[in-house]
Amino acid sequence: MTVNHSHEASEHSRRESQGEIRGERRSVARGRLVLRIAKLVCGPGEYPCVLRDVSLTGAGLTFFHDVPPDARAILQLSNGHTFPVEQVWSGAGRAGYRFACPVAEEDFIVDDARFGHRPLRLSIRAAARLVDGCEADRARLVDLSAEGARVECARPCAPGRVVSLAIAGQDPRLAEVRWNEEGALGLRFFEPMTSGELAALALALQPFDARADGQAGNTATRAA
């Protein structure tokens, strides 16, 4: 019996190649486990989430509340990278999104050390109340993170001053004034919020069923 070693080698190589392709497809389908805090920017507002896994075609997100209803949104990382996404499936506080344009996996797994510490910030405008000693003033929340906030206020609070900030009827939080410039204050909370607390406050300030005029359909502008 004649054994065609060339044919066997070719067949073996073909099977290995197919196995590699299937492995690559499975790897892309499963995605790389990431577990990083990010935010989803959509019509109703900006919502913290956990970037659970990512592949070259899409990402899986976990929310601290119901999944935002918009089919199209912007996924933004704490390092400022933004990615247009489209929802593919959702359920029980989790959702899968397809990238609207090609991405590099390194964009998601790169260490943020070179950017320095950047807490996730949410661009949210809401009424606030600032108390400095015995004096209370109206203020306007501009952006919010677990560690602090930026507010607009006419009171010229000096850096290092301890104030109390209440946002839209929420319980007040003690904060230190870190900077003051042109009617805006940078505040750092003495007790940072957990990611869940930040998400709950974001949802309270930006309910899914209450879209402010000009917000809907303007996610690209919000993420810029």
Protein backbone atom coordinates (compact mmCIF):
# COMPACT_ATOMS: atom_id res chain seq x y z
CA MET A 1 0.00 0.00 0.00
CA THR A 2 1.35 3.38 -0.99
CA VAL A 3 1.14 6.13 1.60
CA ASN A 4 0.85 9.63 0.22
CA HIS A 5 2.75 11.54 2.91
CA SER A 6 2.38 14.82 1.01
CA HIS A 7 -1.41 14.48 1.03
CA GLU A 8 -1.43 13.59 4.75
CA ALA A 9 0.75 16.58 5.57
CA SER A 10 -1.46 18.84 3.51
CA GLU A 11 -4.59 17.50 5.18
CA HIS A 12 -3.02 17.89 8.63
CA SER A 13 -2.02 21.47 7.83
CA ARG A 14 -5.53 22.23 6.57
CA ARG A 15 -7.09 20.89 9.79
CA GLU A 16 -4.68 22.88 11.92
CA SER A 17 -5.49 26.00 9.92
CA GLN A 18 -9.21 25.43 10.33
CA GLY A 19 -8.71 24.85 14.05
CA GLU A 20 -6.80 28.10 14.37
CA ILE A 21 -9.53 29.98 12.49
CA ARG A 22 -12.23 28.45 14.69
CA GLY A 23 -10.16 29.32 17.76
CA GLU A 24 -9.76 32.90 16.60
CA ARG A 25 -13.50 33.15 15.93
CA ARG A 26 -14.29 31.77 19.38
CA SER A 27 -11.81 34.21 20.92
CA VAL A 28 -13.42 37.14 19.11
CA ALA A 29 -16.91 35.93 20.03
CA ARG A 30 -16.02 35.50 23.72
CA GLY A 31 -14.02 38.69 23.99
CA ARG A 32 -11.31 39.62 26.45
CA LEU A 33 -12.27 40.04 30.11
CA VAL A 34 -11.66 43.69 31.00
CA LEU A 35 -13.74 44.80 34.04
CA ARG A 36 -13.22 48.55 33.85
CA ILE A 37 -15.50 51.41 34.83
CA ALA A 38 -16.79 53.31 31.80
CA LYS A 39 -19.87 55.31 30.88
CA LEU A 40 -22.57 55.06 28.24
CA VAL A 41 -23.61 58.39 26.73
CA CYS A 42 -27.06 58.42 25.13
CA GLY A 43 -30.12 60.61 24.70
CA PRO A 44 -31.37 60.64 28.32
CA GLY A 45 -27.91 61.26 29.79
CA GLU A 46 -24.65 59.65 30.91
CA TYR A 47 -24.59 56.45 32.96
CA PRO A 48 -21.70 54.61 34.67
CA CYS A 49 -21.24 50.98 33.71
CA VAL A 50 -18.68 48.19 33.91
CA LEU A 51 -16.94 47.27 30.67
CA ARG A 52 -17.06 43.52 31.23
CA ASP A 53 -15.52 42.14 28.07
CA VAL A 54 -14.44 43.38 24.67
CA SER A 55 -13.63 41.91 21.27
CA LEU A 56 -12.78 43.44 17.91
CA THR A 57 -16.49 43.58 17.05
CA GLY A 58 -18.23 44.59 20.25
CA ALA A 59 -18.36 44.89 24.04
CA GLY A 60 -20.40 43.60 26.95
CA LEU A 61 -21.53 46.09 29.60
CA THR A 62 -23.00 45.65 33.05
CA PHE A 63 -25.08 48.46 34.57
CA PHE A 64 -25.97 49.25 38.17
CA HIS A 65 -29.61 49.67 37.13
CA ASP A 66 -31.77 48.89 34.09
CA VAL A 67 -30.07 49.11 30.71
CA PRO A 68 -30.46 52.53 29.04
CA PRO A 69 -33.09 52.18 26.31
CA ASP A 70 -31.32 53.85 23.37
CA ALA A 71 -30.25 51.49 20.60
CA ARG A 72 -27.36 53.76 19.57
CA ALA A 73 -25.00 55.40 22.03
CA ILE A 74 -21.40 56.37 22.76
CA LEU A 75 -19.19 54.25 24.99
CA GLN A 76 -16.55 56.38 26.73
CA LEU A 77 -13.62 55.15 28.83
CA SER A 78 -12.07 57.00 31.74
CA ASN A 79 -9.06 57.83 29.53
CA GLY A 80 -11.37 59.77 27.19
CA HIS A 81 -11.50 57.27 24.32
CA THR A 82 -14.97 57.19 22.74
CA PHE A 83 -16.62 54.52 20.59
CA PRO A 84 -19.98 54.70 18.78
CA VAL A 85 -21.92 51.53 19.61
CA GLU A 86 -25.22 49.85 18.74
CA GLN A 87 -27.12 47.63 21.15
CA VAL A 88 -27.44 44.01 20.04
CA TRP A 89 -29.07 42.43 23.11
CA SER A 90 -30.00 43.37 26.68
CA GLY A 91 -31.41 41.86 29.84
CA ALA A 92 -31.14 41.98 33.65
CA GLY A 93 -28.82 44.97 33.82
CA ARG A 94 -26.49 43.66 31.12
CA ALA A 95 -26.22 44.42 27.41
CA GLY A 96 -24.08 43.64 24.40
CA TYR A 97 -23.06 46.33 21.92
CA ARG A 98 -21.62 46.23 18.42
CA PHE A 99 -18.96 48.78 17.47
CA ALA A 100 -20.08 51.11 14.69
CA CYS A 101 -16.51 51.42 13.37
CA PRO A 102 -13.30 49.34 13.56
CA VAL A 103 -11.46 49.41 16.89
CA ALA A 104 -8.11 48.26 18.22
CA GLU A 105 -8.24 45.92 21.21
CA GLU A 106 -5.31 47.84 22.73
CA ASP A 107 -7.60 50.84 23.18
CA PHE A 108 -9.39 48.90 25.91
CA ILE A 109 -6.60 47.01 27.62
CA VAL A 110 -3.93 49.74 27.71
CA ASP A 111 -2.87 50.67 31.22
CA ASP A 112 -4.23 54.06 32.30
CA ALA A 113 -1.10 54.78 34.36
CA ARG A 114 0.35 56.97 31.65
CA PHE A 115 -2.77 59.18 31.81
CA GLY A 116 -2.58 59.55 35.59
CA HIS A 117 -5.56 58.96 37.87
CA ARG A 118 -8.72 60.03 36.08
CA PRO A 119 -11.97 59.36 37.90
CA LEU A 120 -14.92 58.77 35.63
CA ARG A 121 -16.78 62.07 35.20
CA LEU A 122 -20.40 62.48 34.18
CA SER A 123 -21.54 65.66 32.43
CA ILE A 124 -24.77 66.33 34.30
CA ARG A 125 -26.45 69.70 34.83
CA ALA A 126 -28.74 69.94 37.83
CA ALA A 127 -29.80 72.38 40.52
CA ALA A 128 -27.67 72.30 43.66
CA ARG A 129 -27.34 74.08 47.00
CA LEU A 130 -23.97 75.10 48.40
CA VAL A 131 -23.59 75.89 52.11
CA ASP A 132 -20.48 77.73 53.29
CA GLY A 133 -20.61 78.18 57.06
CA CYS A 134 -23.94 79.85 57.79
CA GLU A 135 -24.41 81.09 54.22
CA ALA A 136 -26.35 79.11 51.61
CA ASP A 137 -26.31 79.80 47.88
CA ARG A 138 -27.90 78.34 44.81
CA ALA A 139 -25.47 76.49 42.59
CA ARG A 140 -25.52 74.54 39.36
CA LEU A 141 -23.95 71.11 38.98
CA VAL A 142 -21.82 70.88 35.82
CA ASP A 143 -20.16 67.50 36.15
CA LEU A 144 -19.97 64.77 38.75
CA SER A 145 -17.64 61.93 39.72
CA ALA A 146 -17.49 59.53 42.64
CA GLU A 147 -14.78 61.72 44.17
CA GLY A 148 -16.11 65.21 43.58
CA ALA A 149 -18.00 67.69 41.45
CA ARG A 150 -17.73 70.86 39.43
CA VAL A 151 -20.37 73.47 40.20
CA GLU A 152 -21.16 76.97 39.05
CA CYS A 153 -21.75 79.35 41.94
CA ALA A 154 -21.46 83.09 42.54
CA ARG A 155 -19.93 82.59 46.02
CA PRO A 156 -16.11 83.06 45.90
CA CYS A 157 -15.07 80.13 48.11
CA ALA A 158 -11.32 79.98 48.68
CA PRO A 159 -9.40 76.73 48.02
CA GLY A 160 -9.23 74.61 51.16
CA ARG A 161 -12.63 75.81 52.37
CA VAL A 162 -15.01 73.10 53.66
CA VAL A 163 -18.52 73.36 52.22
CA SER A 164 -21.66 71.26 51.98
CA LEU A 165 -23.19 70.37 48.61
CA ALA A 166 -26.75 69.11 48.12
CA ILE A 167 -27.71 68.09 44.59
CA ALA A 168 -31.37 68.20 43.51
CA GLY A 169 -32.78 67.39 46.92
CA GLN A 170 -30.28 64.60 47.67
CA ASP A 171 -28.56 64.37 51.05
CA PRO A 172 -25.77 66.96 51.39
CA ARG A 173 -22.14 65.89 51.14
CA LEU A 174 -19.18 67.58 52.78
CA ALA A 175 -16.49 68.64 50.33
CA GLU A 176 -13.28 70.62 50.15
CA VAL A 177 -12.93 73.42 47.63
CA ARG A 178 -9.94 72.50 45.45
CA TRP A 179 -10.06 75.42 43.04
CA ASN A 180 -12.14 78.48 42.21
CA GLU A 181 -12.10 80.23 38.85
CA GLU A 182 -14.54 82.38 36.89
CA GLY A 183 -17.61 81.49 38.92
CA ALA A 184 -16.91 77.73 38.97
CA LEU A 185 -15.76 75.61 41.90
CA GLY A 186 -13.97 72.29 41.92
CA LEU A 187 -15.04 70.20 44.92
CA ARG A 188 -13.60 67.01 46.38
CA PHE A 189 -15.86 64.90 48.60
CA PHE A 190 -14.54 63.83 51.98
CA GLU A 191 -16.35 60.50 51.53
CA PRO A 192 -16.25 59.35 47.89
CA MET A 193 -19.29 57.62 46.47
CA THR A 194 -19.22 54.00 45.43
CA SER A 195 -19.81 53.23 41.75
CA GLY A 196 -23.30 52.04 42.67
CA GLU A 197 -24.09 55.27 44.51
CA LEU A 198 -22.81 57.35 41.60
CA ALA A 199 -24.95 55.33 39.18
CA ALA A 200 -28.05 55.69 41.38
CA LEU A 201 -27.58 59.46 41.58
CA ALA A 202 -26.99 59.70 37.83
CA LEU A 203 -30.22 57.81 37.16
CA ALA A 204 -32.15 59.98 39.64
CA LEU A 205 -30.91 63.12 37.89
CA GLN A 206 -31.39 61.66 34.38
CA PRO A 207 -34.44 59.36 34.32
CA PHE A 208 -34.82 57.44 31.09
CA ASP A 209 -38.33 58.79 30.43
CA ALA A 210 -37.44 62.49 30.87
CA ARG A 211 -35.39 63.82 27.97
CA ALA A 212 -34.49 67.48 28.12
CA ASP A 213 -34.93 69.56 24.98
CA GLY A 214 -31.96 69.22 22.70
CA GLN A 215 -30.53 66.13 24.41
CA ALA A 216 -32.15 63.41 22.33
CA GLY A 217 -30.16 62.37 19.31
CA ASN A 218 -27.15 64.47 20.31
CA THR A 219 -24.92 61.88 21.90
CA ALA A 220 -21.90 62.79 19.80
CA THR A 221 -22.02 66.36 21.10
CA ARG A 222 -22.38 65.18 24.71
CA ALA A 223 -19.33 62.93 24.42
CA ALA A 224 -17.09 65.55 22.78
